[in-house]
Amino acid sequence: MEQCLHDANPDILLADGFEDALIGYGTRFSYGVAVYSRRKCLDILVERDGMDYEEAVEFFDFNVTGAYVGENTPVFLEDPEENDECEVWCDGSHEERS
């Protein structure tokens, strides 16, 4: 898959250590970016690094998703089945809370 990503965008950036969480690529404006499963990334931190779930979330949010490294920064997809807040956005009820 990595070759396919580099074919889509030779300057694509990949998240080191999260190869098993890579699910494909998407397009941001006119260039391809790597897309990862956030849930799988968190699982990797728990299993590989021995973090508990809360530690993994804190580490991931600050050090991974919080690290913008330019226009080729990867995207981390939220799985709505794993995130109650996603359901609020997906069903449109966030508009009622505004």
PDB file of N, CA and C in Angstrom:
ATOM      1  N   MET A   1       0.814  -1.191   0.000  1.00  0.00           N
ATOM      2  CA  MET A   1       0.000   0.000   0.000  1.00  0.00           C
ATOM      3  C   MET A   1       0.860   1.258   0.000  1.00  0.00           C
ATOM      4  N   GLU A   2       2.012   1.208   0.677  1.00  0.00           N
ATOM      5  CA  GLU A   2       2.849   2.392   0.747  1.00  0.00           C
ATOM      6  C   GLU A   2       3.289   2.861  -0.634  1.00  0.00           C
ATOM      7  N   GLN A   3       3.577   1.930  -1.545  1.00  0.00           N
ATOM      8  CA  GLN A   3       3.956   2.318  -2.906  1.00  0.00           C
ATOM      9  C   GLN A   3       2.804   3.034  -3.599  1.00  0.00           C
ATOM     10  N   CYS A   4       1.599   2.542  -3.390  1.00  0.00           N
ATOM     11  CA  CYS A   4       0.408   3.179  -3.963  1.00  0.00           C
ATOM     12  C   CYS A   4       0.275   4.606  -3.435  1.00  0.00           C
ATOM     13  N   LEU A   5       0.543   4.786  -2.152  1.00  0.00           N
ATOM     14  CA  LEU A   5       0.463   6.113  -1.551  1.00  0.00           C
ATOM     15  C   LEU A   5       1.495   7.052  -2.153  1.00  0.00           C
ATOM     16  N   HIS A   6       2.716   6.553  -2.321  1.00  0.00           N
ATOM     17  CA  HIS A   6       3.772   7.380  -2.902  1.00  0.00           C
ATOM     18  C   HIS A   6       3.507   7.672  -4.373  1.00  0.00           C
ATOM     19  N   ASP A   7       2.808   6.771  -5.058  1.00  0.00           N
ATOM     20  CA  ASP A   7       2.406   7.041  -6.436  1.00  0.00           C
ATOM     21  C   ASP A   7       1.366   8.161  -6.479  1.00  0.00           C
ATOM     22  N   ALA A   8       0.475   8.182  -5.503  1.00  0.00           N
ATOM     23  CA  ALA A   8      -0.568   9.204  -5.432  1.00  0.00           C
ATOM     24  C   ALA A   8       0.023  10.568  -5.068  1.00  0.00           C
ATOM     25  N   ASN A   9       1.037  10.559  -4.219  1.00  0.00           N
ATOM     26  CA  ASN A   9       1.682  11.805  -3.783  1.00  0.00           C
ATOM     27  C   ASN A   9       3.107  11.470  -3.353  1.00  0.00           C
ATOM     28  N   PRO A  10       4.091  11.804  -4.167  1.00  0.00           N
ATOM     29  CA  PRO A  10       5.486  11.475  -3.826  1.00  0.00           C
ATOM     30  C   PRO A  10       5.949  12.094  -2.502  1.00  0.00           C
ATOM     31  N   ASP A  11       5.270  13.156  -2.044  1.00  0.00           N
ATOM     32  CA  ASP A  11       5.654  13.829  -0.797  1.00  0.00           C
ATOM     33  C   ASP A  11       4.797  13.414   0.391  1.00  0.00           C
ATOM     34  N   ILE A  12       4.020  12.350   0.215  1.00  0.00           N
ATOM     35  CA  ILE A  12       3.107  11.907   1.274  1.00  0.00           C
ATOM     36  C   ILE A  12       3.899  11.596   2.547  1.00  0.00           C
ATOM     37  N   LEU A  13       3.316  11.925   3.681  1.00  0.00           N
ATOM     38  CA  LEU A  13       3.945  11.629   4.971  1.00  0.00           C
ATOM     39  C   LEU A  13       3.219  10.471   5.621  1.00  0.00           C
ATOM     40  N   LEU A  14       3.982   9.547   6.184  1.00  0.00           N
ATOM     41  CA  LEU A  14       3.419   8.388   6.865  1.00  0.00           C
ATOM     42  C   LEU A  14       3.729   8.492   8.352  1.00  0.00           C
ATOM     43  N   ALA A  15       2.868   7.938   9.162  1.00  0.00           N
ATOM     44  CA  ALA A  15       3.035   7.970  10.615  1.00  0.00           C
ATOM     45  C   ALA A  15       3.875   6.767  11.040  1.00  0.00           C
ATOM     46  N   ASP A  16       5.113   7.032  11.448  1.00  0.00           N
ATOM     47  CA  ASP A  16       6.023   5.956  11.847  1.00  0.00           C
ATOM     48  C   ASP A  16       5.437   5.137  12.990  1.00  0.00           C
ATOM     49  N   GLY A  17       5.523   3.829  12.853  1.00  0.00           N
ATOM     50  CA  GLY A  17       5.073   2.930  13.898  1.00  0.00           C
ATOM     51  C   GLY A  17       3.605   2.559  13.834  1.00  0.00           C
ATOM     52  N   PHE A  18       2.881   3.140  12.896  1.00  0.00           N
ATOM     53  CA  PHE A  18       1.450   2.864  12.795  1.00  0.00           C
ATOM     54  C   PHE A  18       1.088   2.205  11.466  1.00  0.00           C
ATOM     55  N   GLU A  19       2.008   1.460  10.909  1.00  0.00           N
ATOM     56  CA  GLU A  19       1.800   0.821   9.609  1.00  0.00           C
ATOM     57  C   GLU A  19       0.553  -0.062   9.594  1.00  0.00           C
ATOM     58  N   ASP A  20       0.296  -0.770  10.692  1.00  0.00           N
ATOM     59  CA  ASP A  20      -0.860  -1.669  10.747  1.00  0.00           C
ATOM     60  C   ASP A  20      -2.189  -0.923  10.862  1.00  0.00           C
ATOM     61  N   ALA A  21      -2.138   0.375  11.111  1.00  0.00           N
ATOM     62  CA  ALA A  21      -3.353   1.182  11.214  1.00  0.00           C
ATOM     63  C   ALA A  21      -3.647   1.942   9.917  1.00  0.00           C
ATOM     64  N   LEU A  22      -2.766   1.836   8.946  1.00  0.00           N
ATOM     65  CA  LEU A  22      -2.949   2.518   7.665  1.00  0.00           C
ATOM     66  C   LEU A  22      -4.089   1.859   6.903  1.00  0.00           C
ATOM     67  N   ILE A  23      -5.105   2.646   6.546  1.00  0.00           N
ATOM     68  CA  ILE A  23      -6.266   2.063   5.865  1.00  0.00           C
ATOM     69  C   ILE A  23      -6.425   2.554   4.431  1.00  0.00           C
ATOM     70  N   GLY A  24      -5.604   3.510   4.010  1.00  0.00           N
ATOM     71  CA  GLY A  24      -5.686   3.974   2.631  1.00  0.00           C
ATOM     72  C   GLY A  24      -5.226   5.400   2.494  1.00  0.00           C
ATOM     73  N   TYR A  25      -5.738   6.037   1.458  1.00  0.00           N
ATOM     74  CA  TYR A  25      -5.418   7.453   1.294  1.00  0.00           C
ATOM     75  C   TYR A  25      -6.658   8.215   0.867  1.00  0.00           C
ATOM     76  N   GLY A  26      -6.596   9.495   1.138  1.00  0.00           N
ATOM     77  CA  GLY A  26      -7.687  10.380   0.765  1.00  0.00           C
ATOM     78  C   GLY A  26      -7.096  11.581   0.058  1.00  0.00           C
ATOM     79  N   THR A  27      -7.948  12.499  -0.291  1.00  0.00           N
ATOM     80  CA  THR A  27      -7.497  13.693  -0.988  1.00  0.00           C
ATOM     81  C   THR A  27      -7.831  14.925  -0.173  1.00  0.00           C
ATOM     82  N   ARG A  28      -6.827  15.737   0.062  1.00  0.00           N
ATOM     83  CA  ARG A  28      -7.005  17.031   0.716  1.00  0.00           C
ATOM     84  C   ARG A  28      -6.668  18.067  -0.351  1.00  0.00           C
ATOM     85  N   PHE A  29      -7.648  18.820  -0.735  1.00  0.00           N
ATOM     86  CA  PHE A  29      -7.534  19.745  -1.858  1.00  0.00           C
ATOM     87  C   PHE A  29      -7.135  18.945  -3.094  1.00  0.00           C
ATOM     88  N   SER A  30      -5.938  19.063  -3.587  1.00  0.00           N
ATOM     89  CA  SER A  30      -5.578  18.356  -4.824  1.00  0.00           C
ATOM     90  C   SER A  30      -4.450  17.348  -4.628  1.00  0.00           C
ATOM     91  N   TYR A  31      -4.160  16.971  -3.404  1.00  0.00           N
ATOM     92  CA  TYR A  31      -3.060  16.038  -3.169  1.00  0.00           C
ATOM     93  C   TYR A  31      -3.491  14.924  -2.213  1.00  0.00           C
ATOM     94  N   GLY A  32      -2.870  13.776  -2.389  1.00  0.00           N
ATOM     95  CA  GLY A  32      -3.196  12.615  -1.570  1.00  0.00           C
ATOM     96  C   GLY A  32      -2.531  12.667  -0.215  1.00  0.00           C
ATOM     97  N   VAL A  33      -3.251  12.206   0.799  1.00  0.00           N
ATOM     98  CA  VAL A  33      -2.712  12.088   2.154  1.00  0.00           C
ATOM     99  C   VAL A  33      -3.034  10.688   2.680  1.00  0.00           C
ATOM    100  N   ALA A  34      -2.175  10.186   3.529  1.00  0.00           N
ATOM    101  CA  ALA A  34      -2.394   8.886   4.155  1.00  0.00           C
ATOM    102  C   ALA A  34      -3.545   8.987   5.145  1.00  0.00           C
ATOM    103  N   VAL A  35      -4.344   7.921   5.212  1.00  0.00           N
ATOM    104  CA  VAL A  35      -5.471   7.872   6.151  1.00  0.00           C
ATOM    105  C   VAL A  35      -5.272   6.666   7.071  1.00  0.00           C
ATOM    106  N   TYR A  36      -5.347   6.927   8.369  1.00  0.00           N
ATOM    107  CA  TYR A  36      -5.165   5.904   9.383  1.00  0.00           C
ATOM    108  C   TYR A  36      -6.432   5.760  10.207  1.00  0.00           C
ATOM    109  N   SER A  37      -6.630   4.576  10.748  1.00  0.00           N
ATOM    110  CA  SER A  37      -7.698   4.340  11.709  1.00  0.00           C
ATOM    111  C   SER A  37      -7.215   4.782  13.086  1.00  0.00           C
ATOM    112  N   ARG A  38      -7.887   5.754  13.675  1.00  0.00           N
ATOM    113  CA  ARG A  38      -7.508   6.227  15.010  1.00  0.00           C
ATOM    114  C   ARG A  38      -7.612   5.087  16.020  1.00  0.00           C
ATOM    115  N   ARG A  39      -8.681   4.302  15.917  1.00  0.00           N
ATOM    116  CA  ARG A  39      -8.873   3.188  16.854  1.00  0.00           C
ATOM    117  C   ARG A  39      -7.712   2.210  16.771  1.00  0.00           C
ATOM    118  N   LYS A  40      -7.284   1.886  15.556  1.00  0.00           N
ATOM    119  CA  LYS A  40      -6.165   0.952  15.397  1.00  0.00           C
ATOM    120  C   LYS A  40      -4.871   1.554  15.921  1.00  0.00           C
ATOM    121  N   CYS A  41      -4.685   2.856  15.733  1.00  0.00           N
ATOM    122  CA  CYS A  41      -3.497   3.512  16.282  1.00  0.00           C
ATOM    123  C   CYS A  41      -3.474   3.398  17.806  1.00  0.00           C
ATOM    124  N   LEU A  42      -4.633   3.633  18.428  1.00  0.00           N
ATOM    125  CA  LEU A  42      -4.712   3.520  19.889  1.00  0.00           C
ATOM    126  C   LEU A  42      -4.444   2.087  20.332  1.00  0.00           C
ATOM    127  N   ASP A  43      -4.972   1.114  19.591  1.00  0.00           N
ATOM    128  CA  ASP A  43      -4.707  -0.294  19.919  1.00  0.00           C
ATOM    129  C   ASP A  43      -3.220  -0.595  19.861  1.00  0.00           C
ATOM    130  N   ILE A  44      -2.536  -0.034  18.881  1.00  0.00           N
ATOM    131  CA  ILE A  44      -1.092  -0.246  18.754  1.00  0.00           C
ATOM    132  C   ILE A  44      -0.368   0.308  19.972  1.00  0.00           C
ATOM    133  N   LEU A  45      -0.736   1.505  20.410  1.00  0.00           N
ATOM    134  CA  LEU A  45      -0.088   2.096  21.584  1.00  0.00           C
ATOM    135  C   LEU A  45      -0.325   1.258  22.837  1.00  0.00           C
ATOM    136  N   VAL A  46      -1.519   0.718  22.963  1.00  0.00           N
ATOM    137  CA  VAL A  46      -1.835  -0.115  24.130  1.00  0.00           C
ATOM    138  C   VAL A  46      -1.036  -1.420  24.069  1.00  0.00           C
ATOM    139  N   GLU A  47      -1.085  -2.084  22.931  1.00  0.00           N
ATOM    140  CA  GLU A  47      -0.441  -3.401  22.810  1.00  0.00           C
ATOM    141  C   GLU A  47       1.078  -3.312  22.716  1.00  0.00           C
ATOM    142  N   ARG A  48       1.575  -2.437  21.874  1.00  0.00           N
ATOM    143  CA  ARG A  48       3.019  -2.360  21.633  1.00  0.00           C
ATOM    144  C   ARG A  48       3.757  -1.652  22.756  1.00  0.00           C
ATOM    145  N   ASP A  49       3.170  -0.554  23.250  1.00  0.00           N
ATOM    146  CA  ASP A  49       3.885   0.284  24.204  1.00  0.00           C
ATOM    147  C   ASP A  49       3.437   0.090  25.644  1.00  0.00           C
ATOM    148  N   GLY A  50       2.425  -0.767  25.860  1.00  0.00           N
ATOM    149  CA  GLY A  50       1.984  -1.074  27.213  1.00  0.00           C
ATOM    150  C   GLY A  50       1.229   0.049  27.903  1.00  0.00           C
ATOM    151  N   MET A  51       0.690   0.979  27.135  1.00  0.00           N
ATOM    152  CA  MET A  51      -0.086   2.061  27.740  1.00  0.00           C
ATOM    153  C   MET A  51      -1.482   1.552  28.059  1.00  0.00           C
ATOM    154  N   ASP A  52      -2.111   2.158  29.087  1.00  0.00           N
ATOM    155  CA  ASP A  52      -3.536   1.872  29.240  1.00  0.00           C
ATOM    156  C   ASP A  52      -4.264   2.778  28.249  1.00  0.00           C
ATOM    157  N   TYR A  53      -5.566   2.569  28.094  1.00  0.00           N
ATOM    158  CA  TYR A  53      -6.309   3.265  27.046  1.00  0.00           C
ATOM    159  C   TYR A  53      -6.249   4.791  27.219  1.00  0.00           C
ATOM    160  N   GLU A  54      -6.421   5.272  28.440  1.00  0.00           N
ATOM    161  CA  GLU A  54      -6.417   6.719  28.679  1.00  0.00           C
ATOM    162  C   GLU A  54      -5.057   7.322  28.353  1.00  0.00           C
ATOM    163  N   GLU A  55      -3.983   6.638  28.730  1.00  0.00           N
ATOM    164  CA  GLU A  55      -2.634   7.106  28.386  1.00  0.00           C
ATOM    165  C   GLU A  55      -2.447   7.156  26.871  1.00  0.00           C
ATOM    166  N   ALA A  56      -2.938   6.130  26.204  1.00  0.00           N
ATOM    167  CA  ALA A  56      -2.802   6.069  24.745  1.00  0.00           C
ATOM    168  C   ALA A  56      -3.527   7.235  24.096  1.00  0.00           C
ATOM    169  N   VAL A  57      -4.746   7.536  24.553  1.00  0.00           N
ATOM    170  CA  VAL A  57      -5.517   8.650  23.996  1.00  0.00           C
ATOM    171  C   VAL A  57      -4.779   9.963  24.216  1.00  0.00           C
ATOM    172  N   GLU A  58      -4.303  10.185  25.434  1.00  0.00           N
ATOM    173  CA  GLU A  58      -3.595  11.436  25.736  1.00  0.00           C
ATOM    174  C   GLU A  58      -2.328  11.572  24.886  1.00  0.00           C
ATOM    175  N   PHE A  59      -1.545  10.504  24.811  1.00  0.00           N
ATOM    176  CA  PHE A  59      -0.323  10.520  24.013  1.00  0.00           C
ATOM    177  C   PHE A  59      -0.641  10.763  22.540  1.00  0.00           C
ATOM    178  N   PHE A  60      -1.606  10.025  22.018  1.00  0.00           N
ATOM    179  CA  PHE A  60      -1.947  10.103  20.602  1.00  0.00           C
ATOM    180  C   PHE A  60      -2.468  11.495  20.242  1.00  0.00           C
ATOM    181  N   ASP A  61      -3.386  12.015  21.046  1.00  0.00           N
ATOM    182  CA  ASP A  61      -3.970  13.318  20.745  1.00  0.00           C
ATOM    183  C   ASP A  61      -2.917  14.424  20.768  1.00  0.00           C
ATOM    184  N   PHE A  62      -1.993  14.366  21.691  1.00  0.00           N
ATOM    185  CA  PHE A  62      -0.983  15.415  21.792  1.00  0.00           C
ATOM    186  C   PHE A  62       0.144  15.236  20.785  1.00  0.00           C
ATOM    187  N   ASN A  63       0.684  14.030  20.696  1.00  0.00           N
ATOM    188  CA  ASN A  63       1.902  13.798  19.919  1.00  0.00           C
ATOM    189  C   ASN A  63       1.681  13.401  18.465  1.00  0.00           C
ATOM    190  N   VAL A  64       0.531  12.858  18.157  1.00  0.00           N
ATOM    191  CA  VAL A  64       0.290  12.386  16.788  1.00  0.00           C
ATOM    192  C   VAL A  64      -0.689  13.317  16.078  1.00  0.00           C
ATOM    193  N   THR A  65      -1.931  13.354  16.512  1.00  0.00           N
ATOM    194  CA  THR A  65      -2.883  14.223  15.819  1.00  0.00           C
ATOM    195  C   THR A  65      -2.588  15.700  16.074  1.00  0.00           C
ATOM    196  N   GLY A  66      -1.900  15.995  17.160  1.00  0.00           N
ATOM    197  CA  GLY A  66      -1.538  17.377  17.458  1.00  0.00           C
ATOM    198  C   GLY A  66      -0.302  17.862  16.736  1.00  0.00           C
ATOM    199  N   ALA A  67       0.309  17.008  15.950  1.00  0.00           N
ATOM    200  CA  ALA A  67       1.551  17.363  15.256  1.00  0.00           C
ATOM    201  C   ALA A  67       1.270  17.635  13.781  1.00  0.00           C
ATOM    202  N   TYR A  68       0.993  18.882  13.462  1.00  0.00           N
ATOM    203  CA  TYR A  68       0.808  19.267  12.057  1.00  0.00           C
ATOM    204  C   TYR A  68       2.194  19.472  11.459  1.00  0.00           C
ATOM    205  N   VAL A  69       2.493  18.732  10.406  1.00  0.00           N
ATOM    206  CA  VAL A  69       3.822  18.822   9.787  1.00  0.00           C
ATOM    207  C   VAL A  69       3.722  19.227   8.312  1.00  0.00           C
ATOM    208  N   GLY A  70       2.706  19.996   8.006  1.00  0.00           N
ATOM    209  CA  GLY A  70       2.561  20.507   6.656  1.00  0.00           C
ATOM    210  C   GLY A  70       1.380  19.902   5.924  1.00  0.00           C
ATOM    211  N   GLU A  71       1.246  20.307   4.662  1.00  0.00           N
ATOM    212  CA  GLU A  71       0.074  19.924   3.876  1.00  0.00           C
ATOM    213  C   GLU A  71      -0.050  18.427   3.643  1.00  0.00           C
ATOM    214  N   ASN A  72       1.011  17.674   3.834  1.00  0.00           N
ATOM    215  CA  ASN A  72       0.981  16.230   3.618  1.00  0.00           C
ATOM    216  C   ASN A  72       0.767  15.439   4.904  1.00  0.00           C
ATOM    217  N   THR A  73       0.398  16.145   5.982  1.00  0.00           N
ATOM    218  CA  THR A  73       0.125  15.498   7.264  1.00  0.00           C
ATOM    219  C   THR A  73      -0.986  14.461   7.095  1.00  0.00           C
ATOM    220  N   PRO A  74      -0.803  13.263   7.646  1.00  0.00           N
ATOM    221  CA  PRO A  74      -1.848  12.236   7.536  1.00  0.00           C
ATOM    222  C   PRO A  74      -3.145  12.633   8.234  1.00  0.00           C
ATOM    223  N   VAL A  75      -4.191  11.918   7.878  1.00  0.00           N
ATOM    224  CA  VAL A  75      -5.511  12.074   8.491  1.00  0.00           C
ATOM    225  C   VAL A  75      -5.773  10.840   9.340  1.00  0.00           C
ATOM    226  N   PHE A  76      -6.401  11.033  10.500  1.00  0.00           N
ATOM    227  CA  PHE A  76      -6.729   9.930  11.399  1.00  0.00           C
ATOM    228  C   PHE A  76      -8.242   9.854  11.515  1.00  0.00           C
ATOM    229  N   LEU A  77      -8.799   8.820  10.936  1.00  0.00           N
ATOM    230  CA  LEU A  77     -10.239   8.653  10.814  1.00  0.00           C
ATOM    231  C   LEU A  77     -10.843   8.168  12.119  1.00  0.00           C
ATOM    232  N   GLU A  78     -11.865   8.887  12.574  1.00  0.00           N
ATOM    233  CA  GLU A  78     -12.635   8.462  13.743  1.00  0.00           C
ATOM    234  C   GLU A  78     -13.630   7.401  13.310  1.00  0.00           C
ATOM    235  N   ASP A  79     -13.723   6.348  14.043  1.00  0.00           N
ATOM    236  CA  ASP A  79     -14.700   5.306  13.782  1.00  0.00           C
ATOM    237  C   ASP A  79     -15.941   5.636  14.598  1.00  0.00           C
ATOM    238  N   PRO A  80     -17.053   5.987  13.935  1.00  0.00           N
ATOM    239  CA  PRO A  80     -18.246   6.380  14.687  1.00  0.00           C
ATOM    240  C   PRO A  80     -18.743   5.313  15.655  1.00  0.00           C
ATOM    241  N   GLU A  81     -18.466   4.056  15.369  1.00  0.00           N
ATOM    242  CA  GLU A  81     -18.896   2.990  16.262  1.00  0.00           C
ATOM    243  C   GLU A  81     -18.103   2.983  17.555  1.00  0.00           C
ATOM    244  N   GLU A  82     -16.935   3.619  17.550  1.00  0.00           N
ATOM    245  CA  GLU A  82     -16.075   3.638  18.720  1.00  0.00           C
ATOM    246  C   GLU A  82     -16.155   4.955  19.480  1.00  0.00           C
ATOM    247  N   ASN A  83     -16.899   5.924  18.960  1.00  0.00           N
ATOM    248  CA  ASN A  83     -16.855   7.253  19.537  1.00  0.00           C
ATOM    249  C   ASN A  83     -18.278   7.813  19.624  1.00  0.00           C
ATOM    250  N   ASP A  84     -18.793   7.951  20.838  1.00  0.00           N
ATOM    251  CA  ASP A  84     -20.144   8.474  21.035  1.00  0.00           C
ATOM    252  C   ASP A  84     -20.292   9.880  20.462  1.00  0.00           C
ATOM    253  N   GLU A  85     -19.232  10.683  20.549  1.00  0.00           N
ATOM    254  CA  GLU A  85     -19.301  12.044  20.038  1.00  0.00           C
ATOM    255  C   GLU A  85     -19.501  12.050  18.525  1.00  0.00           C
ATOM    256  N   CYS A  86     -18.935  11.058  17.840  1.00  0.00           N
ATOM    257  CA  CYS A  86     -19.130  10.961  16.393  1.00  0.00           C
ATOM    258  C   CYS A  86     -20.602  10.778  16.061  1.00  0.00           C
ATOM    259  N   GLU A  87     -21.312  10.011  16.870  1.00  0.00           N
ATOM    260  CA  GLU A  87     -22.728   9.787  16.610  1.00  0.00           C
ATOM    261  C   GLU A  87     -23.494  11.099  16.643  1.00  0.00           C
ATOM    262  N   VAL A  88     -23.094  11.989  17.544  1.00  0.00           N
ATOM    263  CA  VAL A  88     -23.749  13.285  17.642  1.00  0.00           C
ATOM    264  C   VAL A  88     -23.563  14.049  16.337  1.00  0.00           C
ATOM    265  N   TRP A  89     -22.371  14.015  15.775  1.00  0.00           N
ATOM    266  CA  TRP A  89     -22.110  14.733  14.527  1.00  0.00           C
ATOM    267  C   TRP A  89     -22.768  14.033  13.348  1.00  0.00           C
ATOM    268  N   CYS A  90     -22.745  12.726  13.350  1.00  0.00           N
ATOM    269  CA  CYS A  90     -23.285  11.986  12.212  1.00  0.00           C
ATOM    270  C   CYS A  90     -24.807  12.082  12.124  1.00  0.00           C
ATOM    271  N   ASP A  91     -25.471  12.174  13.267  1.00  0.00           N
ATOM    272  CA  ASP A  91     -26.935  12.216  13.219  1.00  0.00           C
ATOM    273  C   ASP A  91     -27.474  13.650  13.168  1.00  0.00           C
ATOM    274  N   GLY A  92     -26.604  14.643  13.205  1.00  0.00           N
ATOM    275  CA  GLY A  92     -27.015  16.031  13.077  1.00  0.00           C
ATOM    276  C   GLY A  92     -27.473  16.681  14.374  1.00  0.00           C
ATOM    277  N   SER A  93     -27.449  15.946  15.480  1.00  0.00           N
ATOM    278  CA  SER A  93     -27.952  16.525  16.723  1.00  0.00           C
ATOM    279  C   SER A  93     -27.016  17.579  17.291  1.00  0.00           C
ATOM    280  N   HIS A  94     -25.787  17.700  16.754  1.00  0.00           N
ATOM    281  CA  HIS A  94     -24.895  18.761  17.229  1.00  0.00           C
ATOM    282  C   HIS A  94     -25.483  20.138  16.933  1.00  0.00           C
ATOM    283  N   GLU A  95     -26.303  20.232  15.897  1.00  0.00           N
ATOM    284  CA  GLU A  95     -26.901  21.509  15.524  1.00  0.00           C
ATOM    285  C   GLU A  95     -27.890  21.970  16.584  1.00  0.00           C
ATOM    286  N   GLU A  96     -28.518  21.017  17.252  1.00  0.00           N
ATOM    287  CA  GLU A  96     -29.492  21.358  18.295  1.00  0.00           C
ATOM    288  C   GLU A  96     -28.802  21.921  19.527  1.00  0.00           C
ATOM    289  N   ARG A  97     -27.527  21.571  19.729  1.00  0.00           N
ATOM    290  CA  ARG A  97     -26.798  21.997  20.917  1.00  0.00           C
ATOM    291  C   ARG A  97     -26.196  23.382  20.766  1.00  0.00           C
ATOM    292  N   SER A  98     -26.130  23.902  19.579  1.00  0.00           N
ATOM    293  CA  SER A  98     -25.489  25.196  19.338  1.00  0.00           C
ATOM    294  C   SER A  98     -26.331  26.344  19.853  1.00  0.00           C
TER     295      SER A  98
END
